[in-house]
């Protein structure tokens, strides 16, 4: 797996994403940080383009301390 570092110093990887194990893959460039927990964040427009199915709501804490609920979606990633 090869990536690149952009002009702002962000580590970027092109990852193959699928909406199901048998669906066609789409390459999506994603930013990876040192605190990677296995979750991937995508813009809603990309989620809709990929046809990802909603799975649940998750509670999150924002950087300013606010808590909010976010939609969670199912996707298959070719990760290593």
PDB file of N, CA and C in Angstrom:
ATOM      1  N   UNK A   1       0.851  -1.152   0.000  1.00  0.00           N
ATOM      2  CA  UNK A   1       0.000   0.000   0.000  1.00  0.00           C
ATOM      3  C   UNK A   1       0.909   1.230   0.000  1.00  0.00           C
ATOM      4  N   UNK A   2       0.670   2.112  -0.945  1.00  0.00           N
ATOM      5  CA  UNK A   2       1.466   3.324  -1.055  1.00  0.00           C
ATOM      6  C   UNK A   2       0.583   4.535  -0.845  1.00  0.00           C
ATOM      7  N   UNK A   3       1.155   5.555  -0.263  1.00  0.00           N
ATOM      8  CA  UNK A   3       0.421   6.786  -0.033  1.00  0.00           C
ATOM      9  C   UNK A   3       1.273   7.974  -0.413  1.00  0.00           C
ATOM     10  N   UNK A   4       0.829   9.115   0.054  1.00  0.00           N
ATOM     11  CA  UNK A   4       1.583  10.341  -0.212  1.00  0.00           C
ATOM     12  C   UNK A   4       1.363  11.305   0.943  1.00  0.00           C
ATOM     13  N   UNK A   5       2.213  12.304   1.014  1.00  0.00           N
ATOM     14  CA  UNK A   5       2.062  13.382   1.987  1.00  0.00           C
ATOM     15  C   UNK A   5       1.782  14.644   1.187  1.00  0.00           C
ATOM     16  N   UNK A   6       0.675  15.340   1.521  1.00  0.00           N
ATOM     17  CA  UNK A   6       0.326  16.544   0.770  1.00  0.00           C
ATOM     18  C   UNK A   6       1.097  17.757   1.288  1.00  0.00           C
ATOM     19  N   UNK A   7       0.844  18.909   0.697  1.00  0.00           N
ATOM     20  CA  UNK A   7       1.580  20.124   1.052  1.00  0.00           C
ATOM     21  C   UNK A   7       1.328  20.591   2.481  1.00  0.00           C
ATOM     22  N   UNK A   8       0.229  20.139   3.105  1.00  0.00           N
ATOM     23  CA  UNK A   8      -0.065  20.477   4.502  1.00  0.00           C
ATOM     24  C   UNK A   8       0.497  19.437   5.473  1.00  0.00           C
ATOM     25  N   UNK A   9       1.238  18.438   4.958  1.00  0.00           N
ATOM     26  CA  UNK A   9       1.859  17.432   5.808  1.00  0.00           C
ATOM     27  C   UNK A   9       0.939  16.294   6.216  1.00  0.00           C
ATOM     28  N   UNK A  10      -0.220  16.152   5.557  1.00  0.00           N
ATOM     29  CA  UNK A  10      -1.169  15.089   5.887  1.00  0.00           C
ATOM     30  C   UNK A  10      -0.807  13.814   5.140  1.00  0.00           C
ATOM     31  N   UNK A  11      -0.863  12.679   5.846  1.00  0.00           N
ATOM     32  CA  UNK A  11      -0.628  11.377   5.227  1.00  0.00           C
ATOM     33  C   UNK A  11      -1.914  10.918   4.556  1.00  0.00           C
ATOM     34  N   UNK A  12      -1.840  10.616   3.253  1.00  0.00           N
ATOM     35  CA  UNK A  12      -3.005  10.221   2.480  1.00  0.00           C
ATOM     36  C   UNK A  12      -2.778   8.857   1.839  1.00  0.00           C
ATOM     37  N   UNK A  13      -3.815   8.011   1.874  1.00  0.00           N
ATOM     38  CA  UNK A  13      -3.773   6.695   1.244  1.00  0.00           C
ATOM     39  C   UNK A  13      -4.988   6.539   0.353  1.00  0.00           C
ATOM     40  N   UNK A  14      -4.807   5.906  -0.808  1.00  0.00           N
ATOM     41  CA  UNK A  14      -5.939   5.529  -1.658  1.00  0.00           C
ATOM     42  C   UNK A  14      -6.398   4.153  -1.194  1.00  0.00           C
ATOM     43  N   UNK A  15      -7.650   4.056  -0.750  1.00  0.00           N
ATOM     44  CA  UNK A  15      -8.212   2.819  -0.216  1.00  0.00           C
ATOM     45  C   UNK A  15      -9.373   2.393  -1.103  1.00  0.00           C
ATOM     46  N   UNK A  16      -9.478   1.093  -1.391  1.00  0.00           N
ATOM     47  CA  UNK A  16     -10.621   0.574  -2.133  1.00  0.00           C
ATOM     48  C   UNK A  16     -11.773   0.360  -1.164  1.00  0.00           C
ATOM     49  N   UNK A  17     -12.942   0.924  -1.498  1.00  0.00           N
ATOM     50  CA  UNK A  17     -14.131   0.856  -0.648  1.00  0.00           C
ATOM     51  C   UNK A  17     -15.249   0.197  -1.442  1.00  0.00           C
ATOM     52  N   UNK A  18     -16.030  -0.654  -0.760  1.00  0.00           N
ATOM     53  CA  UNK A  18     -17.181  -1.319  -1.376  1.00  0.00           C
ATOM     54  C   UNK A  18     -18.378  -1.193  -0.448  1.00  0.00           C
ATOM     55  N   UNK A  19     -19.568  -1.188  -1.022  1.00  0.00           N
ATOM     56  CA  UNK A  19     -20.783  -1.155  -0.203  1.00  0.00           C
ATOM     57  C   UNK A  19     -21.183  -2.550   0.268  1.00  0.00           C
ATOM     58  N   UNK A  20     -20.654  -3.595  -0.380  1.00  0.00           N
ATOM     59  CA  UNK A  20     -20.876  -4.984   0.032  1.00  0.00           C
ATOM     60  C   UNK A  20     -19.702  -5.803  -0.487  1.00  0.00           C
ATOM     61  N   UNK A  21     -19.513  -7.013   0.027  1.00  0.00           N
ATOM     62  CA  UNK A  21     -18.363  -7.813  -0.418  1.00  0.00           C
ATOM     63  C   UNK A  21     -18.340  -8.086  -1.918  1.00  0.00           C
ATOM     64  N   UNK A  22     -19.495  -8.082  -2.577  1.00  0.00           N
ATOM     65  CA  UNK A  22     -19.557  -8.416  -4.005  1.00  0.00           C
ATOM     66  C   UNK A  22     -19.753  -7.207  -4.913  1.00  0.00           C
ATOM     67  N   UNK A  23     -19.840  -6.005  -4.336  1.00  0.00           N
ATOM     68  CA  UNK A  23     -20.042  -4.815  -5.158  1.00  0.00           C
ATOM     69  C   UNK A  23     -18.724  -4.337  -5.760  1.00  0.00           C
ATOM     70  N   UNK A  24     -18.837  -3.485  -6.763  1.00  0.00           N
ATOM     71  CA  UNK A  24     -17.645  -2.924  -7.399  1.00  0.00           C
ATOM     72  C   UNK A  24     -16.914  -2.019  -6.406  1.00  0.00           C
ATOM     73  N   UNK A  25     -15.596  -2.018  -6.503  1.00  0.00           N
ATOM     74  CA  UNK A  25     -14.813  -1.171  -5.595  1.00  0.00           C
ATOM     75  C   UNK A  25     -14.631   0.219  -6.184  1.00  0.00           C
ATOM     76  N   UNK A  26     -14.497   1.171  -5.284  1.00  0.00           N
ATOM     77  CA  UNK A  26     -14.220   2.561  -5.637  1.00  0.00           C
ATOM     78  C   UNK A  26     -13.005   2.995  -4.846  1.00  0.00           C
ATOM     79  N   UNK A  27     -12.060   3.633  -5.507  1.00  0.00           N
ATOM     80  CA  UNK A  27     -10.872   4.129  -4.820  1.00  0.00           C
ATOM     81  C   UNK A  27     -11.182   5.482  -4.187  1.00  0.00           C
ATOM     82  N   UNK A  28     -10.908   5.599  -2.887  1.00  0.00           N
ATOM     83  CA  UNK A  28     -11.154   6.823  -2.135  1.00  0.00           C
ATOM     84  C   UNK A  28      -9.858   7.221  -1.438  1.00  0.00           C
ATOM     85  N   UNK A  29      -9.424   8.470  -1.623  1.00  0.00           N
ATOM     86  CA  UNK A  29      -8.227   8.936  -0.933  1.00  0.00           C
ATOM     87  C   UNK A  29      -8.621   9.383   0.473  1.00  0.00           C
ATOM     88  N   UNK A  30      -7.982   8.789   1.482  1.00  0.00           N
ATOM     89  CA  UNK A  30      -8.318   9.063   2.878  1.00  0.00           C
ATOM     90  C   UNK A  30      -7.098   9.552   3.635  1.00  0.00           C
ATOM     91  N   UNK A  31      -7.363  10.404   4.623  1.00  0.00           N
ATOM     92  CA  UNK A  31      -6.306  10.899   5.498  1.00  0.00           C
ATOM     93  C   UNK A  31      -6.181   9.952   6.684  1.00  0.00           C
ATOM     94  N   UNK A  32      -4.967   9.576   7.026  1.00  0.00           N
ATOM     95  CA  UNK A  32      -4.706   8.701   8.165  1.00  0.00           C
ATOM     96  C   UNK A  32      -3.874   9.485   9.167  1.00  0.00           C
ATOM     97  N   UNK A  33      -4.279   9.451  10.448  1.00  0.00           N
ATOM     98  CA  UNK A  33      -3.482  10.150  11.454  1.00  0.00           C
ATOM     99  C   UNK A  33      -2.929   9.146  12.460  1.00  0.00           C
ATOM    100  N   UNK A  34      -2.090   9.627  13.342  1.00  0.00           N
ATOM    101  CA  UNK A  34      -1.423   8.735  14.296  1.00  0.00           C
ATOM    102  C   UNK A  34      -2.380   8.187  15.344  1.00  0.00           C
ATOM    103  N   UNK A  35      -3.557   8.763  15.468  1.00  0.00           N
ATOM    104  CA  UNK A  35      -4.551   8.282  16.421  1.00  0.00           C
ATOM    105  C   UNK A  35      -5.579   7.370  15.779  1.00  0.00           C
ATOM    106  N   UNK A  36      -5.251   6.741  14.644  1.00  0.00           N
ATOM    107  CA  UNK A  36      -6.201   5.916  13.902  1.00  0.00           C
ATOM    108  C   UNK A  36      -6.755   4.794  14.768  1.00  0.00           C
ATOM    109  N   UNK A  37      -8.081   4.713  14.847  1.00  0.00           N
ATOM    110  CA  UNK A  37      -8.757   3.715  15.685  1.00  0.00           C
ATOM    111  C   UNK A  37      -9.476   2.649  14.868  1.00  0.00           C
ATOM    112  N   UNK A  38      -9.382   2.735  13.543  1.00  0.00           N
ATOM    113  CA  UNK A  38     -10.078   1.779  12.700  1.00  0.00           C
ATOM    114  C   UNK A  38     -11.343   2.335  12.088  1.00  0.00           C
ATOM    115  N   UNK A  39     -11.789   3.490  12.563  1.00  0.00           N
ATOM    116  CA  UNK A  39     -12.970   4.128  11.986  1.00  0.00           C
ATOM    117  C   UNK A  39     -12.538   5.069  10.869  1.00  0.00           C
ATOM    118  N   UNK A  40     -13.380   5.170   9.857  1.00  0.00           N
ATOM    119  CA  UNK A  40     -13.116   6.039   8.716  1.00  0.00           C
ATOM    120  C   UNK A  40     -14.254   7.043   8.614  1.00  0.00           C
ATOM    121  N   UNK A  41     -13.923   8.288   8.367  1.00  0.00           N
ATOM    122  CA  UNK A  41     -14.932   9.341   8.227  1.00  0.00           C
ATOM    123  C   UNK A  41     -14.971   9.761   6.762  1.00  0.00           C
ATOM    124  N   UNK A  42     -16.180   9.756   6.187  1.00  0.00           N
ATOM    125  CA  UNK A  42     -16.376  10.168   4.799  1.00  0.00           C
ATOM    126  C   UNK A  42     -17.444  11.255   4.739  1.00  0.00           C
ATOM    127  N   UNK A  43     -17.357  12.143   3.753  1.00  0.00           N
ATOM    128  CA  UNK A  43     -18.425  13.123   3.572  1.00  0.00           C
ATOM    129  C   UNK A  43     -19.720  12.411   3.157  1.00  0.00           C
ATOM    130  N   UNK A  44     -20.870  12.984   3.535  1.00  0.00           N
ATOM    131  CA  UNK A  44     -22.156  12.378   3.211  1.00  0.00           C
ATOM    132  C   UNK A  44     -22.310  12.168   1.712  1.00  0.00           C
ATOM    133  N   UNK A  45     -21.812  13.096   0.897  1.00  0.00           N
ATOM    134  CA  UNK A  45     -21.921  12.950  -0.561  1.00  0.00           C
ATOM    135  C   UNK A  45     -21.217  11.686  -1.047  1.00  0.00           C
ATOM    136  N   UNK A  46     -20.082  11.352  -0.446  1.00  0.00           N
ATOM    137  CA  UNK A  46     -19.346  10.144  -0.833  1.00  0.00           C
ATOM    138  C   UNK A  46     -20.058   8.886  -0.328  1.00  0.00           C
ATOM    139  N   UNK A  47     -20.631   8.952   0.873  1.00  0.00           N
ATOM    140  CA  UNK A  47     -21.415   7.837   1.419  1.00  0.00           C
ATOM    141  C   UNK A  47     -22.574   7.536   0.484  1.00  0.00           C
ATOM    142  N   UNK A  48     -23.264   8.576   0.016  1.00  0.00           N
ATOM    143  CA  UNK A  48     -24.391   8.393  -0.893  1.00  0.00           C
ATOM    144  C   UNK A  48     -23.935   7.864  -2.244  1.00  0.00           C
ATOM    145  N   UNK A  49     -22.824   8.367  -2.758  1.00  0.00           N
ATOM    146  CA  UNK A  49     -22.285   7.910  -4.041  1.00  0.00           C
ATOM    147  C   UNK A  49     -21.923   6.428  -3.981  1.00  0.00           C
ATOM    148  N   UNK A  50     -21.379   5.986  -2.851  1.00  0.00           N
ATOM    149  CA  UNK A  50     -20.998   4.582  -2.679  1.00  0.00           C
ATOM    150  C   UNK A  50     -22.203   3.684  -2.390  1.00  0.00           C
ATOM    151  N   UNK A  51     -23.338   4.290  -2.026  1.00  0.00           N
ATOM    152  CA  UNK A  51     -24.528   3.510  -1.712  1.00  0.00           C
ATOM    153  C   UNK A  51     -24.415   2.747  -0.402  1.00  0.00           C
ATOM    154  N   UNK A  52     -23.724   3.338   0.589  1.00  0.00           N
ATOM    155  CA  UNK A  52     -23.531   2.656   1.871  1.00  0.00           C
ATOM    156  C   UNK A  52     -24.830   2.646   2.665  1.00  0.00           C
ATOM    157  N   UNK A  53     -25.079   1.541   3.373  1.00  0.00           N
ATOM    158  CA  UNK A  53     -26.287   1.387   4.175  1.00  0.00           C
ATOM    159  C   UNK A  53     -26.026   1.829   5.614  1.00  0.00           C
ATOM    160  N   UNK A  54     -26.964   2.578   6.172  1.00  0.00           N
ATOM    161  CA  UNK A  54     -26.854   3.013   7.569  1.00  0.00           C
ATOM    162  C   UNK A  54     -26.923   1.799   8.478  1.00  0.00           C
ATOM    163  N   UNK A  55     -26.139   1.826   9.571  1.00  0.00           N
ATOM    164  CA  UNK A  55     -26.151   0.690  10.491  1.00  0.00           C
ATOM    165  C   UNK A  55     -26.596   1.085  11.897  1.00  0.00           C
ATOM    166  N   UNK A  56     -26.191   2.264  12.366  1.00  0.00           N
ATOM    167  CA  UNK A  56     -26.545   2.667  13.727  1.00  0.00           C
ATOM    168  C   UNK A  56     -26.175   4.124  13.940  1.00  0.00           C
ATOM    169  N   UNK A  57     -26.474   4.606  15.131  1.00  0.00           N
ATOM    170  CA  UNK A  57     -26.046   5.937  15.560  1.00  0.00           C
ATOM    171  C   UNK A  57     -24.943   5.725  16.601  1.00  0.00           C
ATOM    172  N   UNK A  58     -23.951   6.597  16.606  1.00  0.00           N
ATOM    173  CA  UNK A  58     -22.881   6.523  17.596  1.00  0.00           C
ATOM    174  C   UNK A  58     -22.766   7.856  18.318  1.00  0.00           C
ATOM    175  N   UNK A  59     -22.542   7.825  19.617  1.00  0.00           N
ATOM    176  CA  UNK A  59     -22.316   9.031  20.419  1.00  0.00           C
ATOM    177  C   UNK A  59     -20.850   9.415  20.293  1.00  0.00           C
ATOM    178  N   UNK A  60     -20.589  10.682  20.033  1.00  0.00           N
ATOM    179  CA  UNK A  60     -19.218  11.159  19.919  1.00  0.00           C
ATOM    180  C   UNK A  60     -19.034  12.417  20.748  1.00  0.00           C
ATOM    181  N   UNK A  61     -17.792  12.668  21.120  1.00  0.00           N
ATOM    182  CA  UNK A  61     -17.430  13.902  21.818  1.00  0.00           C
ATOM    183  C   UNK A  61     -16.619  14.747  20.852  1.00  0.00           C
ATOM    184  N   UNK A  62     -17.044  15.977  20.665  1.00  0.00           N
ATOM    185  CA  UNK A  62     -16.351  16.892  19.768  1.00  0.00           C
ATOM    186  C   UNK A  62     -15.150  17.510  20.503  1.00  0.00           C
ATOM    187  N   UNK A  63     -14.265  18.158  19.740  1.00  0.00           N
ATOM    188  CA  UNK A  63     -13.067  18.749  20.332  1.00  0.00           C
ATOM    189  C   UNK A  63     -13.398  19.819  21.371  1.00  0.00           C
ATOM    190  N   UNK A  64     -14.547  20.494  21.224  1.00  0.00           N
ATOM    191  CA  UNK A  64     -14.919  21.535  22.181  1.00  0.00           C
ATOM    192  C   UNK A  64     -15.703  20.989  23.376  1.00  0.00           C
ATOM    193  N   UNK A  65     -15.819  19.651  23.468  1.00  0.00           N
ATOM    194  CA  UNK A  65     -16.488  19.028  24.601  1.00  0.00           C
ATOM    195  C   UNK A  65     -17.956  18.700  24.378  1.00  0.00           C
ATOM    196  N   UNK A  66     -18.552  19.256  23.304  1.00  0.00           N
ATOM    197  CA  UNK A  66     -19.954  18.929  23.025  1.00  0.00           C
ATOM    198  C   UNK A  66     -20.078  17.457  22.636  1.00  0.00           C
ATOM    199  N   UNK A  67     -21.209  16.862  22.970  1.00  0.00           N
ATOM    200  CA  UNK A  67     -21.498  15.496  22.545  1.00  0.00           C
ATOM    201  C   UNK A  67     -22.567  15.538  21.476  1.00  0.00           C
ATOM    202  N   UNK A  68     -22.453  14.646  20.518  1.00  0.00           N
ATOM    203  CA  UNK A  68     -23.426  14.592  19.432  1.00  0.00           C
ATOM    204  C   UNK A  68     -23.571  13.152  18.956  1.00  0.00           C
ATOM    205  N   UNK A  69     -24.673  12.853  18.313  1.00  0.00           N
ATOM    206  CA  UNK A  69     -24.904  11.531  17.725  1.00  0.00           C
ATOM    207  C   UNK A  69     -24.664  11.629  16.218  1.00  0.00           C
ATOM    208  N   UNK A  70     -23.955  10.657  15.683  1.00  0.00           N
ATOM    209  CA  UNK A  70     -23.665  10.616  14.250  1.00  0.00           C
ATOM    210  C   UNK A  70     -24.142   9.299  13.670  1.00  0.00           C
ATOM    211  N   UNK A  71     -24.540   9.328  12.400  1.00  0.00           N
ATOM    212  CA  UNK A  71     -24.912   8.093  11.710  1.00  0.00           C
ATOM    213  C   UNK A  71     -23.658   7.279  11.428  1.00  0.00           C
ATOM    214  N   UNK A  72     -23.809   5.966  11.480  1.00  0.00           N
ATOM    215  CA  UNK A  72     -22.736   5.035  11.165  1.00  0.00           C
ATOM    216  C   UNK A  72     -23.185   4.195   9.976  1.00  0.00           C
ATOM    217  N   UNK A  73     -22.273   3.875   9.070  1.00  0.00           N
ATOM    218  CA  UNK A  73     -22.587   3.138   7.856  1.00  0.00           C
ATOM    219  C   UNK A  73     -21.663   1.935   7.729  1.00  0.00           C
ATOM    220  N   UNK A  74     -22.103   0.947   6.965  1.00  0.00           N
ATOM    221  CA  UNK A  74     -21.309  -0.263   6.736  1.00  0.00           C
ATOM    222  C   UNK A  74     -20.576  -0.135   5.410  1.00  0.00           C
ATOM    223  N   UNK A  75     -19.275  -0.450   5.417  1.00  0.00           N
ATOM    224  CA  UNK A  75     -18.477  -0.468   4.196  1.00  0.00           C
ATOM    225  C   UNK A  75     -17.404  -1.535   4.328  1.00  0.00           C
ATOM    226  N   UNK A  76     -16.949  -2.032   3.218  1.00  0.00           N
ATOM    227  CA  UNK A  76     -15.842  -2.987   3.190  1.00  0.00           C
ATOM    228  C   UNK A  76     -14.646  -2.254   2.612  1.00  0.00           C
ATOM    229  N   UNK A  77     -13.525  -2.303   3.326  1.00  0.00           N
ATOM    230  CA  UNK A  77     -12.294  -1.642   2.894  1.00  0.00           C
ATOM    231  C   UNK A  77     -11.233  -2.686   2.592  1.00  0.00           C
ATOM    232  N   UNK A  78     -10.470  -2.477   1.525  1.00  0.00           N
ATOM    233  CA  UNK A  78      -9.300  -3.317   1.267  1.00  0.00           C
ATOM    234  C   UNK A  78      -8.143  -2.687   2.025  1.00  0.00           C
ATOM    235  N   UNK A  79      -7.924  -3.173   3.249  1.00  0.00           N
ATOM    236  CA  UNK A  79      -6.918  -2.619   4.144  1.00  0.00           C
ATOM    237  C   UNK A  79      -5.849  -3.676   4.360  1.00  0.00           C
ATOM    238  N   UNK A  80      -4.739  -3.507   3.725  1.00  0.00           N
ATOM    239  CA  UNK A  80      -3.633  -4.466   3.739  1.00  0.00           C
ATOM    240  C   UNK A  80      -4.103  -5.791   3.175  1.00  0.00           C
TER     241      UNK A  80
END
